[in-house]
Amino acid sequence: MKNVLFVCSQNKLRSPTAEQVFADWPGVETSSAGTNNDAENPLSRELVEWADIIFVMERAHRAKLQSRYRAALNGTRLVCLDIPDDYQFMDPRLVELLKAKVPRHL
């Protein structure tokens, strides 16, 4: 089982959509978090350590994650999807983008 973490800023739109889209993916357990302190589910050291692979939506998320949790990353794969904050939760265009970008890394 591969633990997959999706990260955006607020954990309200992009990362929860990704978590839901890949929740039933075979051999994968998903979670999501936000880099902001007031996120729905704030990113934590425990989540970073839990993850085998972390998908961030933007380069800024990768930079925050690397500066805050460098030691906890410990070789964890980190993939930037370059998906801007232009979508609503479960937006069909967002789901299509995620399905195009994520599977090759799983």
N, C-alpha and C. Protein backbone atom coordinates (compact mmCIF):
# COMPACT_ATOMS: atom_id res chain seq x y z
N MET A 1 0.85 -1.19 0.00
CA MET A 1 0.00 0.00 0.00
C MET A 1 0.89 1.24 0.00
N LYS A 2 0.60 2.16 -0.92
CA LYS A 2 1.35 3.40 -1.03
C LYS A 2 0.53 4.53 -0.41
N ASN A 3 1.14 5.27 0.52
CA ASN A 3 0.47 6.41 1.15
C ASN A 3 0.73 7.67 0.33
N VAL A 4 -0.36 8.29 -0.16
CA VAL A 4 -0.26 9.43 -1.06
C VAL A 4 -0.92 10.64 -0.41
N LEU A 5 -0.15 11.73 -0.32
CA LEU A 5 -0.64 12.97 0.29
C LEU A 5 -0.74 14.05 -0.78
N PHE A 6 -1.88 14.72 -0.83
CA PHE A 6 -2.10 15.84 -1.75
C PHE A 6 -2.13 17.13 -0.93
N VAL A 7 -1.41 18.15 -1.41
CA VAL A 7 -1.26 19.39 -0.64
C VAL A 7 -1.60 20.60 -1.50
N CYS A 8 -2.42 21.50 -0.94
CA CYS A 8 -2.66 22.81 -1.53
C CYS A 8 -2.59 23.83 -0.40
N SER A 9 -3.19 24.99 -0.56
CA SER A 9 -3.07 26.03 0.47
C SER A 9 -4.07 25.85 1.61
N GLN A 10 -5.36 25.82 1.28
CA GLN A 10 -6.41 25.80 2.29
C GLN A 10 -7.01 24.41 2.54
N ASN A 11 -6.69 23.45 1.70
CA ASN A 11 -7.27 22.10 1.80
C ASN A 11 -8.78 22.15 1.71
N LYS A 12 -9.28 22.99 0.79
CA LYS A 12 -10.73 23.11 0.59
C LYS A 12 -11.16 22.69 -0.81
N LEU A 13 -10.30 22.89 -1.82
CA LEU A 13 -10.72 22.67 -3.20
C LEU A 13 -9.86 21.64 -3.93
N ARG A 14 -8.61 21.97 -4.21
CA ARG A 14 -7.78 21.11 -5.05
C ARG A 14 -7.35 19.82 -4.36
N SER A 15 -6.72 19.92 -3.19
CA SER A 15 -6.21 18.68 -2.57
C SER A 15 -7.33 17.75 -2.11
N PRO A 16 -8.46 18.26 -1.56
CA PRO A 16 -9.53 17.31 -1.23
C PRO A 16 -10.14 16.66 -2.47
N THR A 17 -10.18 17.39 -3.59
CA THR A 17 -10.65 16.80 -4.84
C THR A 17 -9.73 15.65 -5.24
N ALA A 18 -8.42 15.91 -5.20
CA ALA A 18 -7.45 14.86 -5.57
C ALA A 18 -7.57 13.66 -4.63
N GLU A 19 -7.71 13.93 -3.34
CA GLU A 19 -7.85 12.85 -2.37
C GLU A 19 -9.05 11.97 -2.73
N GLN A 20 -10.17 12.60 -3.07
CA GLN A 20 -11.38 11.85 -3.40
C GLN A 20 -11.24 11.11 -4.73
N VAL A 21 -10.65 11.75 -5.72
CA VAL A 21 -10.49 11.13 -7.05
C VAL A 21 -9.67 9.85 -6.96
N PHE A 22 -8.62 9.85 -6.12
CA PHE A 22 -7.73 8.69 -6.05
C PHE A 22 -7.97 7.80 -4.84
N ALA A 23 -9.03 8.06 -4.09
CA ALA A 23 -9.32 7.28 -2.87
C ALA A 23 -9.54 5.80 -3.17
N ASP A 24 -10.11 5.48 -4.33
CA ASP A 24 -10.40 4.08 -4.67
C ASP A 24 -9.36 3.47 -5.60
N TRP A 25 -8.26 4.19 -5.81
CA TRP A 25 -7.17 3.71 -6.68
C TRP A 25 -6.57 2.47 -6.03
N PRO A 26 -6.35 1.39 -6.76
CA PRO A 26 -5.81 0.17 -6.16
C PRO A 26 -4.39 0.38 -5.60
N GLY A 27 -4.18 -0.11 -4.41
CA GLY A 27 -2.86 -0.06 -3.78
C GLY A 27 -2.47 1.30 -3.24
N VAL A 28 -3.44 2.20 -3.13
CA VAL A 28 -3.14 3.57 -2.71
C VAL A 28 -4.06 3.97 -1.56
N GLU A 29 -3.47 4.59 -0.55
CA GLU A 29 -4.26 5.23 0.52
C GLU A 29 -4.00 6.72 0.42
N THR A 30 -5.07 7.54 0.43
CA THR A 30 -4.90 8.97 0.20
C THR A 30 -5.26 9.80 1.42
N SER A 31 -4.64 10.97 1.47
CA SER A 31 -4.99 11.99 2.46
C SER A 31 -4.69 13.33 1.80
N SER A 32 -5.15 14.42 2.44
CA SER A 32 -4.85 15.75 1.91
C SER A 32 -4.68 16.72 3.06
N ALA A 33 -3.98 17.82 2.75
CA ALA A 33 -3.70 18.84 3.77
C ALA A 33 -3.41 20.16 3.08
N GLY A 34 -3.40 21.23 3.89
CA GLY A 34 -3.10 22.56 3.37
C GLY A 34 -1.88 23.14 4.06
N THR A 35 -1.15 23.98 3.34
CA THR A 35 0.06 24.58 3.90
C THR A 35 -0.25 25.76 4.83
N ASN A 36 -1.43 26.35 4.69
CA ASN A 36 -1.78 27.49 5.55
C ASN A 36 -2.18 27.01 6.94
N ASN A 37 -1.87 27.82 7.95
CA ASN A 37 -2.20 27.45 9.33
C ASN A 37 -3.70 27.31 9.56
N ASP A 38 -4.51 28.05 8.78
CA ASP A 38 -5.97 27.99 8.94
C ASP A 38 -6.62 27.03 7.94
N ALA A 39 -5.84 26.13 7.37
CA ALA A 39 -6.37 25.14 6.42
C ALA A 39 -7.35 24.21 7.12
N GLU A 40 -8.23 23.61 6.33
CA GLU A 40 -9.19 22.64 6.88
C GLU A 40 -8.46 21.53 7.64
N ASN A 41 -7.42 21.00 7.03
CA ASN A 41 -6.56 19.99 7.66
C ASN A 41 -5.12 20.48 7.45
N PRO A 42 -4.56 21.19 8.44
CA PRO A 42 -3.22 21.75 8.26
C PRO A 42 -2.15 20.66 8.11
N LEU A 43 -1.20 20.92 7.24
CA LEU A 43 -0.08 20.02 7.03
C LEU A 43 0.68 19.84 8.34
N SER A 44 1.08 18.61 8.64
CA SER A 44 1.79 18.33 9.89
C SER A 44 2.98 17.42 9.61
N ARG A 45 3.88 17.38 10.55
CA ARG A 45 5.05 16.50 10.44
C ARG A 45 4.59 15.04 10.32
N GLU A 46 3.56 14.67 11.07
CA GLU A 46 3.04 13.29 11.05
C GLU A 46 2.55 12.91 9.65
N LEU A 47 1.83 13.83 9.00
CA LEU A 47 1.34 13.54 7.64
C LEU A 47 2.50 13.41 6.66
N VAL A 48 3.50 14.29 6.79
CA VAL A 48 4.66 14.23 5.89
C VAL A 48 5.40 12.91 6.08
N GLU A 49 5.56 12.49 7.32
CA GLU A 49 6.24 11.22 7.60
C GLU A 49 5.43 10.02 7.15
N TRP A 50 4.10 10.13 7.18
CA TRP A 50 3.20 9.05 6.76
C TRP A 50 3.29 8.81 5.25
N ALA A 51 3.50 9.88 4.49
CA ALA A 51 3.41 9.81 3.03
C ALA A 51 4.62 9.14 2.38
N ASP A 52 4.33 8.32 1.36
CA ASP A 52 5.37 7.76 0.51
C ASP A 52 5.63 8.69 -0.67
N ILE A 53 4.57 9.39 -1.09
CA ILE A 53 4.68 10.36 -2.17
C ILE A 53 3.76 11.54 -1.85
N ILE A 54 4.25 12.74 -2.09
CA ILE A 54 3.47 13.95 -1.82
C ILE A 54 3.32 14.73 -3.12
N PHE A 55 2.06 15.03 -3.46
CA PHE A 55 1.75 15.85 -4.61
C PHE A 55 1.37 17.24 -4.12
N VAL A 56 2.08 18.26 -4.59
CA VAL A 56 1.72 19.64 -4.28
C VAL A 56 1.13 20.26 -5.54
N MET A 57 0.23 21.21 -5.35
CA MET A 57 -0.45 21.82 -6.49
C MET A 57 0.40 22.90 -7.16
N GLU A 58 1.24 23.61 -6.38
CA GLU A 58 2.03 24.71 -6.91
C GLU A 58 3.45 24.68 -6.35
N ARG A 59 4.35 25.37 -7.03
CA ARG A 59 5.74 25.45 -6.57
C ARG A 59 5.84 26.07 -5.18
N ALA A 60 4.97 27.04 -4.88
CA ALA A 60 4.99 27.69 -3.56
C ALA A 60 4.71 26.68 -2.45
N HIS A 61 3.84 25.70 -2.73
CA HIS A 61 3.54 24.67 -1.73
C HIS A 61 4.77 23.80 -1.51
N ARG A 62 5.48 23.47 -2.60
CA ARG A 62 6.69 22.67 -2.48
C ARG A 62 7.73 23.41 -1.64
N ALA A 63 7.89 24.70 -1.89
CA ALA A 63 8.88 25.50 -1.14
C ALA A 63 8.53 25.54 0.35
N LYS A 64 7.26 25.76 0.67
CA LYS A 64 6.84 25.78 2.08
C LYS A 64 7.08 24.43 2.74
N LEU A 65 6.70 23.38 2.04
CA LEU A 65 6.87 22.03 2.58
C LEU A 65 8.35 21.72 2.83
N GLN A 66 9.19 22.06 1.86
CA GLN A 66 10.62 21.78 2.01
C GLN A 66 11.26 22.60 3.12
N SER A 67 10.82 23.85 3.30
CA SER A 67 11.44 24.66 4.35
C SER A 67 10.95 24.26 5.74
N ARG A 68 9.68 23.89 5.86
CA ARG A 68 9.13 23.54 7.18
C ARG A 68 9.43 22.10 7.61
N TYR A 69 9.48 21.19 6.65
CA TYR A 69 9.55 19.76 6.98
C TYR A 69 10.71 19.04 6.32
N ARG A 70 11.79 19.74 6.08
CA ARG A 70 12.95 19.15 5.38
C ARG A 70 13.37 17.81 6.00
N ALA A 71 13.54 17.78 7.32
CA ALA A 71 13.99 16.55 8.00
C ALA A 71 12.95 15.43 7.86
N ALA A 72 11.68 15.77 7.95
CA ALA A 72 10.61 14.76 7.89
C ALA A 72 10.47 14.18 6.48
N LEU A 73 10.84 14.95 5.46
CA LEU A 73 10.72 14.47 4.08
C LEU A 73 11.61 13.26 3.84
N ASN A 74 12.84 13.31 4.31
CA ASN A 74 13.72 12.15 4.32
C ASN A 74 13.61 11.27 3.07
N GLY A 75 13.74 11.88 1.90
CA GLY A 75 13.73 11.10 0.66
C GLY A 75 12.35 10.83 0.08
N THR A 76 11.30 11.34 0.70
CA THR A 76 9.94 11.15 0.17
C THR A 76 9.84 11.81 -1.20
N ARG A 77 9.21 11.13 -2.15
CA ARG A 77 9.00 11.72 -3.48
C ARG A 77 8.06 12.91 -3.38
N LEU A 78 8.45 13.99 -4.01
CA LEU A 78 7.67 15.22 -3.99
C LEU A 78 7.42 15.64 -5.44
N VAL A 79 6.14 15.72 -5.83
CA VAL A 79 5.79 16.02 -7.21
C VAL A 79 4.93 17.28 -7.25
N CYS A 80 5.37 18.26 -8.05
CA CYS A 80 4.58 19.47 -8.24
C CYS A 80 3.71 19.31 -9.49
N LEU A 81 2.39 19.46 -9.31
CA LEU A 81 1.45 19.26 -10.41
C LEU A 81 1.21 20.53 -11.23
N ASP A 82 1.64 21.68 -10.73
CA ASP A 82 1.42 22.96 -11.42
C ASP A 82 -0.05 23.17 -11.78
N ILE A 83 -0.91 23.03 -10.78
CA ILE A 83 -2.34 23.26 -10.97
C ILE A 83 -2.72 24.51 -10.18
N PRO A 84 -3.09 25.59 -10.88
CA PRO A 84 -3.41 26.85 -10.20
C PRO A 84 -4.73 26.76 -9.42
N ASP A 85 -4.93 27.75 -8.56
CA ASP A 85 -6.13 27.79 -7.72
C ASP A 85 -7.30 28.40 -8.50
N ASP A 86 -7.69 27.72 -9.58
CA ASP A 86 -8.73 28.23 -10.48
C ASP A 86 -9.96 27.34 -10.51
N TYR A 87 -10.07 26.39 -9.60
CA TYR A 87 -11.12 25.38 -9.69
C TYR A 87 -11.90 25.24 -8.39
N GLN A 88 -13.14 24.83 -8.51
CA GLN A 88 -13.98 24.53 -7.36
C GLN A 88 -13.79 23.05 -7.00
N PHE A 89 -14.26 22.67 -5.82
CA PHE A 89 -14.20 21.27 -5.37
C PHE A 89 -14.91 20.38 -6.39
N MET A 90 -14.23 19.34 -6.84
CA MET A 90 -14.73 18.34 -7.79
C MET A 90 -15.11 18.94 -9.15
N ASP A 91 -14.53 20.08 -9.51
CA ASP A 91 -14.71 20.68 -10.83
C ASP A 91 -14.28 19.63 -11.87
N PRO A 92 -15.12 19.32 -12.85
CA PRO A 92 -14.77 18.30 -13.84
C PRO A 92 -13.44 18.59 -14.55
N ARG A 93 -13.11 19.86 -14.77
CA ARG A 93 -11.84 20.21 -15.42
C ARG A 93 -10.66 19.89 -14.50
N LEU A 94 -10.85 20.11 -13.19
CA LEU A 94 -9.81 19.77 -12.22
C LEU A 94 -9.62 18.26 -12.15
N VAL A 95 -10.71 17.52 -12.11
CA VAL A 95 -10.65 16.06 -12.07
C VAL A 95 -9.91 15.54 -13.30
N GLU A 96 -10.21 16.11 -14.47
CA GLU A 96 -9.55 15.71 -15.71
C GLU A 96 -8.04 15.98 -15.65
N LEU A 97 -7.67 17.15 -15.14
CA LEU A 97 -6.25 17.50 -15.00
C LEU A 97 -5.54 16.53 -14.06
N LEU A 98 -6.16 16.24 -12.93
CA LEU A 98 -5.56 15.32 -11.96
C LEU A 98 -5.38 13.94 -12.57
N LYS A 99 -6.39 13.46 -13.27
CA LYS A 99 -6.30 12.13 -13.90
C LYS A 99 -5.24 12.09 -14.99
N ALA A 100 -4.93 13.24 -15.57
CA ALA A 100 -3.90 13.30 -16.61
C ALA A 100 -2.49 13.36 -16.00
N LYS A 101 -2.36 13.99 -14.83
CA LYS A 101 -1.03 14.25 -14.28
C LYS A 101 -0.56 13.28 -13.18
N VAL A 102 -1.48 12.73 -12.41
CA VAL A 102 -1.08 11.95 -11.22
C VAL A 102 -0.73 10.49 -11.51
N PRO A 103 -1.53 9.73 -12.27
CA PRO A 103 -1.31 8.28 -12.37
C PRO A 103 0.09 7.85 -12.75
N ARG A 104 0.78 8.58 -13.61
CA ARG A 104 2.14 8.15 -14.03
C ARG A 104 3.11 8.11 -12.86
N HIS A 105 2.79 8.78 -11.76
CA HIS A 105 3.67 8.82 -10.58
C HIS A 105 3.30 7.77 -9.54
N LEU A 106 2.15 7.11 -9.73
CA LEU A 106 1.68 6.17 -8.70
C LEU A 106 2.20 4.77 -8.89
